[in-house]
Amino acid sequence: QVQLVESGGGLVQAGGSLRLSCAASGSSLSIYVMDWYRQAPGKQRELVAGIATGGTPNYANSVKGRFTISRDNAKNTVFLQMNSLKPEDTAVYYCGVSSSLGRYWGQGTQVTVSS
């Protein structure tokens, strides 16, 4: 069993920044990929950014140049630094982990960007 604890969401004005964090815990856990998805009301969940262990990050075109994903492998934690936020970034953001124990999701954290 893997537990993911997210933090860092909130309300911000357009042009502002937020930093999301997600810490994974579990016994005998080996993490392969950590990523962030988001789901806006009435829309499907979409990949925002992902990073494999030892790999290079990948980003959705809509966030390239504005968002940065990073990992602290020693702490099994992934971060999403979000800059130059836009109202269309408003969504619930979910952390995801692909691991030796399977695929797991965080509980989601709301990000709201006001215009």
PDB file of N, CA and C in Angstrom:
ATOM      1  N   GLN A   1       0.840  -1.193   0.000  1.00  0.00           N
ATOM      2  CA  GLN A   1       0.000   0.000   0.000  1.00  0.00           C
ATOM      3  C   GLN A   1       0.881   1.250   0.000  1.00  0.00           C
ATOM      4  N   VAL A   2       0.503   2.196  -0.848  1.00  0.00           N
ATOM      5  CA  VAL A   2       1.238   3.461  -0.959  1.00  0.00           C
ATOM      6  C   VAL A   2       0.305   4.605  -0.589  1.00  0.00           C
ATOM      7  N   GLN A   3       0.794   5.504   0.204  1.00  0.00           N
ATOM      8  CA  GLN A   3       0.028   6.705   0.545  1.00  0.00           C
ATOM      9  C   GLN A   3       0.706   7.926  -0.077  1.00  0.00           C
ATOM     10  N   LEU A   4      -0.107   8.789  -0.661  1.00  0.00           N
ATOM     11  CA  LEU A   4       0.376  10.033  -1.243  1.00  0.00           C
ATOM     12  C   LEU A   4      -0.296  11.195  -0.531  1.00  0.00           C
ATOM     13  N   VAL A   5       0.503  12.129  -0.072  1.00  0.00           N
ATOM     14  CA  VAL A   5      -0.022  13.295   0.630  1.00  0.00           C
ATOM     15  C   VAL A   5       0.386  14.536  -0.147  1.00  0.00           C
ATOM     16  N   GLU A   6      -0.622  15.250  -0.631  1.00  0.00           N
ATOM     17  CA  GLU A   6      -0.387  16.451  -1.432  1.00  0.00           C
ATOM     18  C   GLU A   6      -0.574  17.696  -0.585  1.00  0.00           C
ATOM     19  N   SER A   7       0.097  18.748  -1.004  1.00  0.00           N
ATOM     20  CA  SER A   7      -0.083  20.041  -0.355  1.00  0.00           C
ATOM     21  C   SER A   7       0.296  21.139  -1.322  1.00  0.00           C
ATOM     22  N   GLY A   8      -0.138  22.356  -1.021  1.00  0.00           N
ATOM     23  CA  GLY A   8       0.315  23.517  -1.765  1.00  0.00           C
ATOM     24  C   GLY A   8      -0.693  24.189  -2.663  1.00  0.00           C
ATOM     25  N   GLY A   9      -1.876  23.646  -2.794  1.00  0.00           N
ATOM     26  CA  GLY A   9      -2.871  24.292  -3.638  1.00  0.00           C
ATOM     27  C   GLY A   9      -3.411  25.549  -2.989  1.00  0.00           C
ATOM     28  N   GLY A  10      -4.252  26.258  -3.730  1.00  0.00           N
ATOM     29  CA  GLY A  10      -4.846  27.472  -3.179  1.00  0.00           C
ATOM     30  C   GLY A  10      -5.373  28.391  -4.248  1.00  0.00           C
ATOM     31  N   LEU A  11      -5.640  29.621  -3.826  1.00  0.00           N
ATOM     32  CA  LEU A  11      -6.175  30.658  -4.710  1.00  0.00           C
ATOM     33  C   LEU A  11      -5.069  31.673  -4.993  1.00  0.00           C
ATOM     34  N   VAL A  12      -4.903  32.000  -6.269  1.00  0.00           N
ATOM     35  CA  VAL A  12      -3.856  32.938  -6.653  1.00  0.00           C
ATOM     36  C   VAL A  12      -4.365  33.774  -7.814  1.00  0.00           C
ATOM     37  N   GLN A  13      -3.861  34.975  -7.932  1.00  0.00           N
ATOM     38  CA  GLN A  13      -4.224  35.814  -9.066  1.00  0.00           C
ATOM     39  C   GLN A  13      -3.438  35.409 -10.302  1.00  0.00           C
ATOM     40  N   ALA A  14      -3.989  35.709 -11.448  1.00  0.00           N
ATOM     41  CA  ALA A  14      -3.293  35.433 -12.702  1.00  0.00           C
ATOM     42  C   ALA A  14      -1.917  36.094 -12.691  1.00  0.00           C
ATOM     43  N   GLY A  15      -0.931  35.328 -13.157  1.00  0.00           N
ATOM     44  CA  GLY A  15       0.440  35.799 -13.136  1.00  0.00           C
ATOM     45  C   GLY A  15       1.212  35.376 -11.910  1.00  0.00           C
ATOM     46  N   GLY A  16       0.510  34.855 -10.931  1.00  0.00           N
ATOM     47  CA  GLY A  16       1.136  34.434  -9.696  1.00  0.00           C
ATOM     48  C   GLY A  16       1.737  33.043  -9.774  1.00  0.00           C
ATOM     49  N   SER A  17       2.209  32.571  -8.629  1.00  0.00           N
ATOM     50  CA  SER A  17       2.896  31.275  -8.557  1.00  0.00           C
ATOM     51  C   SER A  17       2.372  30.451  -7.396  1.00  0.00           C
ATOM     52  N   LEU A  18       2.453  29.150  -7.567  1.00  0.00           N
ATOM     53  CA  LEU A  18       2.163  28.195  -6.509  1.00  0.00           C
ATOM     54  C   LEU A  18       3.142  27.036  -6.641  1.00  0.00           C
ATOM     55  N   ARG A  19       3.389  26.370  -5.521  1.00  0.00           N
ATOM     56  CA  ARG A  19       4.241  25.182  -5.548  1.00  0.00           C
ATOM     57  C   ARG A  19       3.500  24.042  -4.882  1.00  0.00           C
ATOM     58  N   LEU A  20       3.295  22.971  -5.639  1.00  0.00           N
ATOM     59  CA  LEU A  20       2.639  21.785  -5.119  1.00  0.00           C
ATOM     60  C   LEU A  20       3.691  20.766  -4.695  1.00  0.00           C
ATOM     61  N   SER A  21       3.359  20.028  -3.644  1.00  0.00           N
ATOM     62  CA  SER A  21       4.228  18.954  -3.174  1.00  0.00           C
ATOM     63  C   SER A  21       3.421  17.681  -3.008  1.00  0.00           C
ATOM     64  N   CYS A  22       4.083  16.559  -3.177  1.00  0.00           N
ATOM     65  CA  CYS A  22       3.432  15.261  -2.994  1.00  0.00           C
ATOM     66  C   CYS A  22       4.461  14.287  -2.455  1.00  0.00           C
ATOM     67  N   ALA A  23       4.199  13.782  -1.267  1.00  0.00           N
ATOM     68  CA  ALA A  23       5.106  12.837  -0.627  1.00  0.00           C
ATOM     69  C   ALA A  23       4.493  11.445  -0.642  1.00  0.00           C
ATOM     70  N   ALA A  24       5.279  10.487  -1.097  1.00  0.00           N
ATOM     71  CA  ALA A  24       4.828   9.092  -1.167  1.00  0.00           C
ATOM     72  C   ALA A  24       5.472   8.296  -0.052  1.00  0.00           C
ATOM     73  N   SER A  25       4.680   7.414   0.530  1.00  0.00           N
ATOM     74  CA  SER A  25       5.215   6.541   1.582  1.00  0.00           C
ATOM     75  C   SER A  25       4.656   5.140   1.422  1.00  0.00           C
ATOM     76  N   GLY A  26       5.474   4.165   1.815  1.00  0.00           N
ATOM     77  CA  GLY A  26       5.049   2.785   1.721  1.00  0.00           C
ATOM     78  C   GLY A  26       6.247   1.887   1.933  1.00  0.00           C
ATOM     79  N   SER A  27       6.022   0.725   2.468  1.00  0.00           N
ATOM     80  CA  SER A  27       7.141  -0.175   2.739  1.00  0.00           C
ATOM     81  C   SER A  27       7.603  -0.836   1.449  1.00  0.00           C
ATOM     82  N   SER A  28       8.901  -1.036   1.344  1.00  0.00           N
ATOM     83  CA  SER A  28       9.514  -1.681   0.175  1.00  0.00           C
ATOM     84  C   SER A  28       9.094  -1.018  -1.121  1.00  0.00           C
ATOM     85  N   LEU A  29       9.076   0.293  -1.089  1.00  0.00           N
ATOM     86  CA  LEU A  29       8.582   1.066  -2.226  1.00  0.00           C
ATOM     87  C   LEU A  29       9.715   1.450  -3.171  1.00  0.00           C
ATOM     88  N   SER A  30       9.534   1.096  -4.439  1.00  0.00           N
ATOM     89  CA  SER A  30      10.424   1.574  -5.497  1.00  0.00           C
ATOM     90  C   SER A  30       9.580   2.359  -6.482  1.00  0.00           C
ATOM     91  N   ILE A  31       9.927   3.604  -6.674  1.00  0.00           N
ATOM     92  CA  ILE A  31       9.135   4.475  -7.537  1.00  0.00           C
ATOM     93  C   ILE A  31       9.773   4.569  -8.913  1.00  0.00           C
ATOM     94  N   TYR A  32       8.962   4.409  -9.943  1.00  0.00           N
ATOM     95  CA  TYR A  32       9.443   4.499 -11.311  1.00  0.00           C
ATOM     96  C   TYR A  32       9.145   5.880 -11.907  1.00  0.00           C
ATOM     97  N   VAL A  33       7.906   6.307 -11.751  1.00  0.00           N
ATOM     98  CA  VAL A  33       7.471   7.580 -12.336  1.00  0.00           C
ATOM     99  C   VAL A  33       6.635   8.344 -11.318  1.00  0.00           C
ATOM    100  N   MET A  34       6.861   9.643 -11.271  1.00  0.00           N
ATOM    101  CA  MET A  34       6.007  10.528 -10.484  1.00  0.00           C
ATOM    102  C   MET A  34       5.478  11.592 -11.435  1.00  0.00           C
ATOM    103  N   ASP A  35       4.206  11.889 -11.318  1.00  0.00           N
ATOM    104  CA  ASP A  35       3.628  12.843 -12.253  1.00  0.00           C
ATOM    105  C   ASP A  35       2.489  13.635 -11.623  1.00  0.00           C
ATOM    106  N   TRP A  36       2.081  14.639 -12.341  1.00  0.00           N
ATOM    107  CA  TRP A  36       0.957  15.485 -11.950  1.00  0.00           C
ATOM    108  C   TRP A  36      -0.054  15.517 -13.087  1.00  0.00           C
ATOM    109  N   TYR A  37      -1.297  15.295 -12.714  1.00  0.00           N
ATOM    110  CA  TYR A  37      -2.421  15.429 -13.624  1.00  0.00           C
ATOM    111  C   TYR A  37      -3.327  16.523 -13.072  1.00  0.00           C
ATOM    112  N   ARG A  38      -4.214  16.997 -13.920  1.00  0.00           N
ATOM    113  CA  ARG A  38      -5.221  17.942 -13.440  1.00  0.00           C
ATOM    114  C   ARG A  38      -6.548  17.676 -14.129  1.00  0.00           C
ATOM    115  N   GLN A  39      -7.606  18.064 -13.435  1.00  0.00           N
ATOM    116  CA  GLN A  39      -8.950  17.899 -13.984  1.00  0.00           C
ATOM    117  C   GLN A  39      -9.757  19.131 -13.673  1.00  0.00           C
ATOM    118  N   ALA A  40     -10.160  19.815 -14.733  1.00  0.00           N
ATOM    119  CA  ALA A  40     -11.024  20.986 -14.595  1.00  0.00           C
ATOM    120  C   ALA A  40     -12.487  20.529 -14.686  1.00  0.00           C
ATOM    121  N   PRO A  41     -13.406  21.310 -14.150  1.00  0.00           N
ATOM    122  CA  PRO A  41     -14.825  20.926 -14.191  1.00  0.00           C
ATOM    123  C   PRO A  41     -15.289  20.662 -15.610  1.00  0.00           C
ATOM    124  N   GLY A  42     -15.927  19.519 -15.806  1.00  0.00           N
ATOM    125  CA  GLY A  42     -16.461  19.180 -17.111  1.00  0.00           C
ATOM    126  C   GLY A  42     -15.441  18.684 -18.112  1.00  0.00           C
ATOM    127  N   LYS A  43     -14.202  18.527 -17.685  1.00  0.00           N
ATOM    128  CA  LYS A  43     -13.150  18.089 -18.591  1.00  0.00           C
ATOM    129  C   LYS A  43     -12.516  16.802 -18.089  1.00  0.00           C
ATOM    130  N   GLN A  44     -11.818  16.122 -19.003  1.00  0.00           N
ATOM    131  CA  GLN A  44     -11.128  14.901 -18.628  1.00  0.00           C
ATOM    132  C   GLN A  44      -9.826  15.235 -17.897  1.00  0.00           C
ATOM    133  N   ARG A  45      -9.393  14.274 -17.108  1.00  0.00           N
ATOM    134  CA  ARG A  45      -8.110  14.430 -16.432  1.00  0.00           C
ATOM    135  C   ARG A  45      -7.004  14.420 -17.484  1.00  0.00           C
ATOM    136  N   GLU A  46      -6.049  15.335 -17.349  1.00  0.00           N
ATOM    137  CA  GLU A  46      -4.969  15.437 -18.320  1.00  0.00           C
ATOM    138  C   GLU A  46      -3.613  15.475 -17.621  1.00  0.00           C
ATOM    139  N   LEU A  47      -2.619  14.948 -18.325  1.00  0.00           N
ATOM    140  CA  LEU A  47      -1.255  14.976 -17.803  1.00  0.00           C
ATOM    141  C   LEU A  47      -0.716  16.397 -17.867  1.00  0.00           C
ATOM    142  N   VAL A  48      -0.141  16.844 -16.762  1.00  0.00           N
ATOM    143  CA  VAL A  48       0.501  18.153 -16.708  1.00  0.00           C
ATOM    144  C   VAL A  48       2.003  17.992 -16.875  1.00  0.00           C
ATOM    145  N   ALA A  49       2.605  17.121 -16.082  1.00  0.00           N
ATOM    146  CA  ALA A  49       4.050  16.908 -16.143  1.00  0.00           C
ATOM    147  C   ALA A  49       4.382  15.586 -15.477  1.00  0.00           C
ATOM    148  N   GLY A  50       5.466  14.975 -15.919  1.00  0.00           N
ATOM    149  CA  GLY A  50       5.898  13.728 -15.334  1.00  0.00           C
ATOM    150  C   GLY A  50       7.406  13.603 -15.375  1.00  0.00           C
ATOM    151  N   ILE A  51       7.918  12.782 -14.468  1.00  0.00           N
ATOM    152  CA  ILE A  51       9.361  12.565 -14.447  1.00  0.00           C
ATOM    153  C   ILE A  51       9.631  11.152 -13.946  1.00  0.00           C
ATOM    154  N   ALA A  52      10.392  10.405 -14.751  1.00  0.00           N
ATOM    155  CA  ALA A  52      10.782   9.061 -14.371  1.00  0.00           C
ATOM    156  C   ALA A  52      12.089   9.110 -13.580  1.00  0.00           C
ATOM    157  N   THR A  53      12.322   8.099 -12.786  1.00  0.00           N
ATOM    158  CA  THR A  53      13.560   8.025 -12.028  1.00  0.00           C
ATOM    159  C   THR A  53      14.745   8.027 -12.988  1.00  0.00           C
ATOM    160  N   GLY A  54      15.612   9.007 -12.830  1.00  0.00           N
ATOM    161  CA  GLY A  54      16.758   9.114 -13.715  1.00  0.00           C
ATOM    162  C   GLY A  54      16.452   9.654 -15.096  1.00  0.00           C
ATOM    163  N   GLY A  55      15.211  10.053 -15.312  1.00  0.00           N
ATOM    164  CA  GLY A  55      14.799  10.532 -16.623  1.00  0.00           C
ATOM    165  C   GLY A  55      14.649  12.039 -16.688  1.00  0.00           C
ATOM    166  N   THR A  56      14.297  12.496 -17.871  1.00  0.00           N
ATOM    167  CA  THR A  56      14.074  13.922 -18.057  1.00  0.00           C
ATOM    168  C   THR A  56      12.576  14.216 -17.941  1.00  0.00           C
ATOM    169  N   PRO A  57      12.231  15.388 -17.471  1.00  0.00           N
ATOM    170  CA  PRO A  57      10.819  15.717 -17.318  1.00  0.00           C
ATOM    171  C   PRO A  57      10.110  15.861 -18.672  1.00  0.00           C
ATOM    172  N   ASN A  58       8.819  15.606 -18.661  1.00  0.00           N
ATOM    173  CA  ASN A  58       8.019  15.899 -19.831  1.00  0.00           C
ATOM    174  C   ASN A  58       6.822  16.726 -19.391  1.00  0.00           C
ATOM    175  N   TYR A  59       6.359  17.589 -20.274  1.00  0.00           N
ATOM    176  CA  TYR A  59       5.320  18.554 -19.935  1.00  0.00           C
ATOM    177  C   TYR A  59       4.241  18.605 -21.006  1.00  0.00           C
ATOM    178  N   ALA A  60       3.054  18.937 -20.579  1.00  0.00           N
ATOM    179  CA  ALA A  60       2.006  19.273 -21.534  1.00  0.00           C
ATOM    180  C   ALA A  60       2.394  20.576 -22.222  1.00  0.00           C
ATOM    181  N   ASN A  61       2.025  20.692 -23.478  1.00  0.00           N
ATOM    182  CA  ASN A  61       2.382  21.906 -24.224  1.00  0.00           C
ATOM    183  C   ASN A  61       1.851  23.164 -23.546  1.00  0.00           C
ATOM    184  N   SER A  62       0.703  23.032 -22.912  1.00  0.00           N
ATOM    185  CA  SER A  62       0.051  24.200 -22.322  1.00  0.00           C
ATOM    186  C   SER A  62       0.808  24.766 -21.122  1.00  0.00           C
ATOM    187  N   VAL A  63       1.728  23.989 -20.553  1.00  0.00           N
ATOM    188  CA  VAL A  63       2.443  24.467 -19.357  1.00  0.00           C
ATOM    189  C   VAL A  63       3.945  24.612 -19.578  1.00  0.00           C
ATOM    190  N   LYS A  64       4.426  24.232 -20.738  1.00  0.00           N
ATOM    191  CA  LYS A  64       5.868  24.333 -21.011  1.00  0.00           C
ATOM    192  C   LYS A  64       6.345  25.766 -20.841  1.00  0.00           C
ATOM    193  N   GLY A  65       7.466  25.901 -20.154  1.00  0.00           N
ATOM    194  CA  GLY A  65       8.029  27.228 -19.929  1.00  0.00           C
ATOM    195  C   GLY A  65       7.469  27.925 -18.700  1.00  0.00           C
ATOM    196  N   ARG A  66       6.386  27.376 -18.143  1.00  0.00           N
ATOM    197  CA  ARG A  66       5.770  27.998 -16.957  1.00  0.00           C
ATOM    198  C   ARG A  66       5.842  27.090 -15.724  1.00  0.00           C
ATOM    199  N   PHE A  67       5.719  25.791 -15.938  1.00  0.00           N
ATOM    200  CA  PHE A  67       5.725  24.835 -14.832  1.00  0.00           C
ATOM    201  C   PHE A  67       7.037  24.053 -14.850  1.00  0.00           C
ATOM    202  N   THR A  68       7.477  23.667 -13.644  1.00  0.00           N
ATOM    203  CA  THR A  68       8.674  22.841 -13.513  1.00  0.00           C
ATOM    204  C   THR A  68       8.400  21.722 -12.527  1.00  0.00           C
ATOM    205  N   ILE A  69       8.637  20.492 -12.964  1.00  0.00           N
ATOM    206  CA  ILE A  69       8.495  19.340 -12.085  1.00  0.00           C
ATOM    207  C   ILE A  69       9.884  18.926 -11.616  1.00  0.00           C
ATOM    208  N   SER A  70       9.959  18.532 -10.347  1.00  0.00           N
ATOM    209  CA  SER A  70      11.227  18.066  -9.795  1.00  0.00           C
ATOM    210  C   SER A  70      10.950  17.007  -8.741  1.00  0.00           C
ATOM    211  N   ARG A  71      11.987  16.270  -8.404  1.00  0.00           N
ATOM    212  CA  ARG A  71      11.841  15.183  -7.425  1.00  0.00           C
ATOM    213  C   ARG A  71      12.960  15.232  -6.401  1.00  0.00           C
ATOM    214  N   ASP A  72      12.608  14.816  -5.191  1.00  0.00           N
ATOM    215  CA  ASP A  72      13.582  14.518  -4.146  1.00  0.00           C
ATOM    216  C   ASP A  72      13.479  13.020  -3.928  1.00  0.00           C
ATOM    217  N   ASN A  73      14.354  12.271  -4.587  1.00  0.00           N
ATOM    218  CA  ASN A  73      14.243  10.812  -4.544  1.00  0.00           C
ATOM    219  C   ASN A  73      14.473  10.254  -3.144  1.00  0.00           C
ATOM    220  N   ALA A  74      15.308  10.900  -2.362  1.00  0.00           N
ATOM    221  CA  ALA A  74      15.567  10.422  -1.005  1.00  0.00           C
ATOM    222  C   ALA A  74      14.315  10.485  -0.141  1.00  0.00           C
ATOM    223  N   LYS A  75      13.435  11.426  -0.468  1.00  0.00           N
ATOM    224  CA  LYS A  75      12.211  11.602   0.323  1.00  0.00           C
ATOM    225  C   LYS A  75      10.964  11.152  -0.426  1.00  0.00           C
ATOM    226  N   ASN A  76      11.159  10.546  -1.604  1.00  0.00           N
ATOM    227  CA  ASN A  76      10.012  10.103  -2.418  1.00  0.00           C
ATOM    228  C   ASN A  76       8.982  11.221  -2.572  1.00  0.00           C
ATOM    229  N   THR A  77       9.478  12.391  -2.879  1.00  0.00           N
ATOM    230  CA  THR A  77       8.616  13.561  -2.989  1.00  0.00           C
ATOM    231  C   THR A  77       8.767  14.192  -4.369  1.00  0.00           C
ATOM    232  N   VAL A  78       7.655  14.620  -4.909  1.00  0.00           N
ATOM    233  CA  VAL A  78       7.658  15.313  -6.193  1.00  0.00           C
ATOM    234  C   VAL A  78       7.046  16.691  -6.000  1.00  0.00           C
ATOM    235  N   PHE A  79       7.592  17.642  -6.739  1.00  0.00           N
ATOM    236  CA  PHE A  79       7.145  19.033  -6.647  1.00  0.00           C
ATOM    237  C   PHE A  79       6.683  19.509  -8.018  1.00  0.00           C
ATOM    238  N   LEU A  80       5.774  20.471  -7.998  1.00  0.00           N
ATOM    239  CA  LEU A  80       5.382  21.143  -9.228  1.00  0.00           C
ATOM    240  C   LEU A  80       5.392  22.640  -8.958  1.00  0.00           C
ATOM    241  N   GLN A  81       6.389  23.309  -9.505  1.00  0.00           N
ATOM    242  CA  GLN A  81       6.465  24.756  -9.398  1.00  0.00           C
ATOM    243  C   GLN A  81       5.691  25.356 -10.559  1.00  0.00           C
ATOM    244  N   MET A  82       4.692  26.147 -10.234  1.00  0.00           N
ATOM    245  CA  MET A  82       3.812  26.710 -11.256  1.00  0.00           C
ATOM    246  C   MET A  82       3.953  28.225 -11.244  1.00  0.00           C
ATOM    247  N   ASN A  83       4.459  28.761 -12.318  1.00  0.00           N
ATOM    248  CA  ASN A  83       4.643  30.207 -12.455  1.00  0.00           C
ATOM    249  C   ASN A  83       3.759  30.744 -13.575  1.00  0.00           C
ATOM    250  N   SER A  84       3.591  32.048 -13.593  1.00  0.00           N
ATOM    251  CA  SER A  84       2.788  32.710 -14.631  1.00  0.00           C
ATOM    252  C   SER A  84       1.437  32.020 -14.799  1.00  0.00           C
ATOM    253  N   LEU A  85       0.792  31.770 -13.697  1.00  0.00           N
ATOM    254  CA  LEU A  85      -0.467  31.033 -13.728  1.00  0.00           C
ATOM    255  C   LEU A  85      -1.542  31.806 -14.475  1.00  0.00           C
ATOM    256  N   LYS A  86      -2.393  31.037 -15.149  1.00  0.00           N
ATOM    257  CA  LYS A  86      -3.490  31.585 -15.942  1.00  0.00           C
ATOM    258  C   LYS A  86      -4.811  31.042 -15.416  1.00  0.00           C
ATOM    259  N   PRO A  87      -5.903  31.744 -15.659  1.00  0.00           N
ATOM    260  CA  PRO A  87      -7.212  31.227 -15.213  1.00  0.00           C
ATOM    261  C   PRO A  87      -7.493  29.824 -15.756  1.00  0.00           C
ATOM    262  N   GLU A  88      -7.018  29.518 -16.945  1.00  0.00           N
ATOM    263  CA  GLU A  88      -7.262  28.188 -17.506  1.00  0.00           C
ATOM    264  C   GLU A  88      -6.456  27.087 -16.814  1.00  0.00           C
ATOM    265  N   ASP A  89      -5.572  27.458 -15.897  1.00  0.00           N
ATOM    266  CA  ASP A  89      -4.878  26.451 -15.088  1.00  0.00           C
ATOM    267  C   ASP A  89      -5.723  25.999 -13.895  1.00  0.00           C
ATOM    268  N   THR A  90      -6.852  26.636 -13.692  1.00  0.00           N
ATOM    269  CA  THR A  90      -7.731  26.272 -12.587  1.00  0.00           C
ATOM    270  C   THR A  90      -8.207  24.836 -12.740  1.00  0.00           C
ATOM    271  N   ALA A  91      -7.986  24.036 -11.703  1.00  0.00           N
ATOM    272  CA  ALA A  91      -8.338  22.615 -11.747  1.00  0.00           C
ATOM    273  C   ALA A  91      -7.994  21.980 -10.404  1.00  0.00           C
ATOM    274  N   VAL A  92      -8.421  20.743 -10.250  1.00  0.00           N
ATOM    275  CA  VAL A  92      -7.915  19.917  -9.161  1.00  0.00           C
ATOM    276  C   VAL A  92      -6.676  19.193  -9.688  1.00  0.00           C
ATOM    277  N   TYR A  93      -5.597  19.323  -8.967  1.00  0.00           N
ATOM    278  CA  TYR A  93      -4.324  18.716  -9.373  1.00  0.00           C
ATOM    279  C   TYR A  93      -4.090  17.446  -8.565  1.00  0.00           C
ATOM    280  N   TYR A  94      -3.766  16.372  -9.287  1.00  0.00           N
ATOM    281  CA  TYR A  94      -3.557  15.069  -8.672  1.00  0.00           C
ATOM    282  C   TYR A  94      -2.112  14.619  -8.887  1.00  0.00           C
ATOM    283  N   CYS A  95      -1.512  14.177  -7.822  1.00  0.00           N
ATOM    284  CA  CYS A  95      -0.203  13.543  -7.906  1.00  0.00           C
ATOM    285  C   CYS A  95      -0.408  12.067  -8.220  1.00  0.00           C
ATOM    286  N   GLY A  96       0.457  11.522  -9.072  1.00  0.00           N
ATOM    287  CA  GLY A  96       0.395  10.115  -9.401  1.00  0.00           C
ATOM    288  C   GLY A  96       1.765   9.465  -9.272  1.00  0.00           C
ATOM    289  N   VAL A  97       1.766   8.205  -8.880  1.00  0.00           N
ATOM    290  CA  VAL A  97       3.017   7.455  -8.733  1.00  0.00           C
ATOM    291  C   VAL A  97       2.847   6.092  -9.380  1.00  0.00           C
ATOM    292  N   SER A  98       3.811   5.736 -10.230  1.00  0.00           N
ATOM    293  CA  SER A  98       3.903   4.368 -10.750  1.00  0.00           C
ATOM    294  C   SER A  98       5.071   3.719 -10.026  1.00  0.00           C
ATOM    295  N   SER A  99       4.796   2.612  -9.351  1.00  0.00           N
ATOM    296  CA  SER A  99       5.787   2.040  -8.456  1.00  0.00           C
ATOM    297  C   SER A  99       5.786   0.522  -8.531  1.00  0.00           C
ATOM    298  N   SER A 100       6.693  -0.061  -7.748  1.00  0.00           N
ATOM    299  CA  SER A 100       6.773  -1.516  -7.652  1.00  0.00           C
ATOM    300  C   SER A 100       5.503  -2.103  -7.039  1.00  0.00           C
ATOM    301  N   LEU A 101       4.716  -1.273  -6.358  1.00  0.00           N
ATOM    302  CA  LEU A 101       3.492  -1.731  -5.700  1.00  0.00           C
ATOM    303  C   LEU A 101       2.249  -1.384  -6.513  1.00  0.00           C
ATOM    304  N   GLY A 102       2.439  -0.770  -7.666  1.00  0.00           N
ATOM    305  CA  GLY A 102       1.308  -0.421  -8.515  1.00  0.00           C
ATOM    306  C   GLY A 102       1.200   1.070  -8.761  1.00  0.00           C
ATOM    307  N   ARG A 103       0.060   1.463  -9.295  1.00  0.00           N
ATOM    308  CA  ARG A 103      -0.223   2.856  -9.643  1.00  0.00           C
ATOM    309  C   ARG A 103      -1.107   3.448  -8.552  1.00  0.00           C
ATOM    310  N   TYR A 104      -0.728   4.627  -8.045  1.00  0.00           N
ATOM    311  CA  TYR A 104      -1.482   5.260  -6.973  1.00  0.00           C
ATOM    312  C   TYR A 104      -1.698   6.744  -7.282  1.00  0.00           C
ATOM    313  N   TRP A 105      -2.779   7.283  -6.677  1.00  0.00           N
ATOM    314  CA  TRP A 105      -3.125   8.695  -6.850  1.00  0.00           C
ATOM    315  C   TRP A 105      -3.230   9.387  -5.501  1.00  0.00           C
ATOM    316  N   GLY A 106      -2.897  10.663  -5.509  1.00  0.00           N
ATOM    317  CA  GLY A 106      -3.149  11.484  -4.339  1.00  0.00           C
ATOM    318  C   GLY A 106      -4.612  11.889  -4.277  1.00  0.00           C
ATOM    319  N   GLN A 107      -4.966  12.577  -3.214  1.00  0.00           N
ATOM    320  CA  GLN A 107      -6.363  12.949  -2.992  1.00  0.00           C
ATOM    321  C   GLN A 107      -6.783  14.154  -3.821  1.00  0.00           C
ATOM    322  N   GLY A 108      -5.823  14.857  -4.366  1.00  0.00           N
ATOM    323  CA  GLY A 108      -6.124  16.029  -5.175  1.00  0.00           C
ATOM    324  C   GLY A 108      -6.045  17.304  -4.354  1.00  0.00           C
ATOM    325  N   THR A 109      -5.589  18.359  -5.004  1.00  0.00           N
ATOM    326  CA  THR A 109      -5.534  19.662  -4.351  1.00  0.00           C
ATOM    327  C   THR A 109      -6.040  20.711  -5.338  1.00  0.00           C
ATOM    328  N   GLN A 110      -6.888  21.589  -4.848  1.00  0.00           N
ATOM    329  CA  GLN A 110      -7.523  22.575  -5.715  1.00  0.00           C
ATOM    330  C   GLN A 110      -6.571  23.747  -5.981  1.00  0.00           C
ATOM    331  N   VAL A 111      -6.454  24.090  -7.246  1.00  0.00           N
ATOM    332  CA  VAL A 111      -5.737  25.297  -7.660  1.00  0.00           C
ATOM    333  C   VAL A 111      -6.735  26.190  -8.387  1.00  0.00           C
ATOM    334  N   THR A 112      -6.895  27.395  -7.898  1.00  0.00           N
ATOM    335  CA  THR A 112      -7.811  28.349  -8.512  1.00  0.00           C
ATOM    336  C   THR A 112      -7.048  29.615  -8.860  1.00  0.00           C
ATOM    337  N   VAL A 113      -7.130  30.000 -10.132  1.00  0.00           N
ATOM    338  CA  VAL A 113      -6.442  31.197 -10.606  1.00  0.00           C
ATOM    339  C   VAL A 113      -7.499  32.219 -11.020  1.00  0.00           C
ATOM    340  N   SER A 114      -7.493  33.336 -10.345  1.00  0.00           N
ATOM    341  CA  SER A 114      -8.478  34.376 -10.644  1.00  0.00           C
ATOM    342  C   SER A 114      -7.913  35.361 -11.666  1.00  0.00           C
ATOM    343  N   SER A 115      -8.819  35.901 -12.477  1.00  0.00           N
ATOM    344  CA  SER A 115      -8.376  36.833 -13.532  1.00  0.00           C
ATOM    345  C   SER A 115      -8.373  38.264 -13.036  1.00  0.00           C
TER     346      SER A 115
END
